[in-house]
Amino acid sequence: MLQRNRTFEVGQIHFGSSTTLCKHIMLPLLQTFVEKNPHIRVTIDGLSSRETALQLTANKMDIGLLVETSASKSLAFTPLTDLSYTFVASRQYLENLKLREGIDYTKKDPAFFQKATLMLMDHENISRQHIEAYFSANSIETRQILETSNMELLIEFAKIGLGVSCLIRNFVEKDIKNGTLIEIPLRKNISTRTVGFAYSKESVHNPAVAKFKQILKETYGK
């Protein structure tokens, strides 16, 4: 059996990532990895960035795709790109809001956020905490909030006109360009955050991790 495993390069690799980051960033890398290493077993845990960092610190997984936080500072971290945040809604929702509340989203009026139904990640999510810090720093008050633990749902909720979603702009650029979603102009932009891959200390002993790092280098040059 050992000889057979060596022949087919059987191994295993354990990832952690949120659903949204996995869909938009990790999936293409995983596709290439599986094509090149079809016999390596892949496990993926759907976790928040904070939870992923904790699992990596405890050596309970090999690699995590996460937004850089204080919890990930002690881990080996390879940054990939910066994530930009934005508020979006359907054109129909914004037109109805103007008719109902007399508020024009193009005026950059802070009162817009009091009149609109805001759709945000739940309080435990680090993106939500980042946005709450933005609200506080810019004296923006909110009243009507719909919460969810899944950013993919926030995207779909915005498209059907349920309210104004706070999303990672990188993942809805196509929808903004084709007019499916309308971007809300802000007086001050929301600061970006860095996303990348973090590794547990034990991962250096896993040959499958080395193979994934090679694909990462070929794709991102990192």
Foldseek 3Di string as FASTA:
>chain_A
DVVVCVVLVEEEFEEEEAPVCCVPPVVVLVVVLCVVRVRYHYHYHHDAQLVRLVCLQVVVGFKYWYWDDPSNPVWDWDWFDKWFKFKKAAPVLQVVLCVVPVDHLAVQDLCVQASWAEEEEDPVHVVRVLVVVVCVVVVRDHDHYHYDNHVVVLVVCRLVNVTMYIHGCVVCVVCCVVRSMPTRDHPDTRDITTITMTGHPVNVVGVSVVSSVVSVCVVRVD
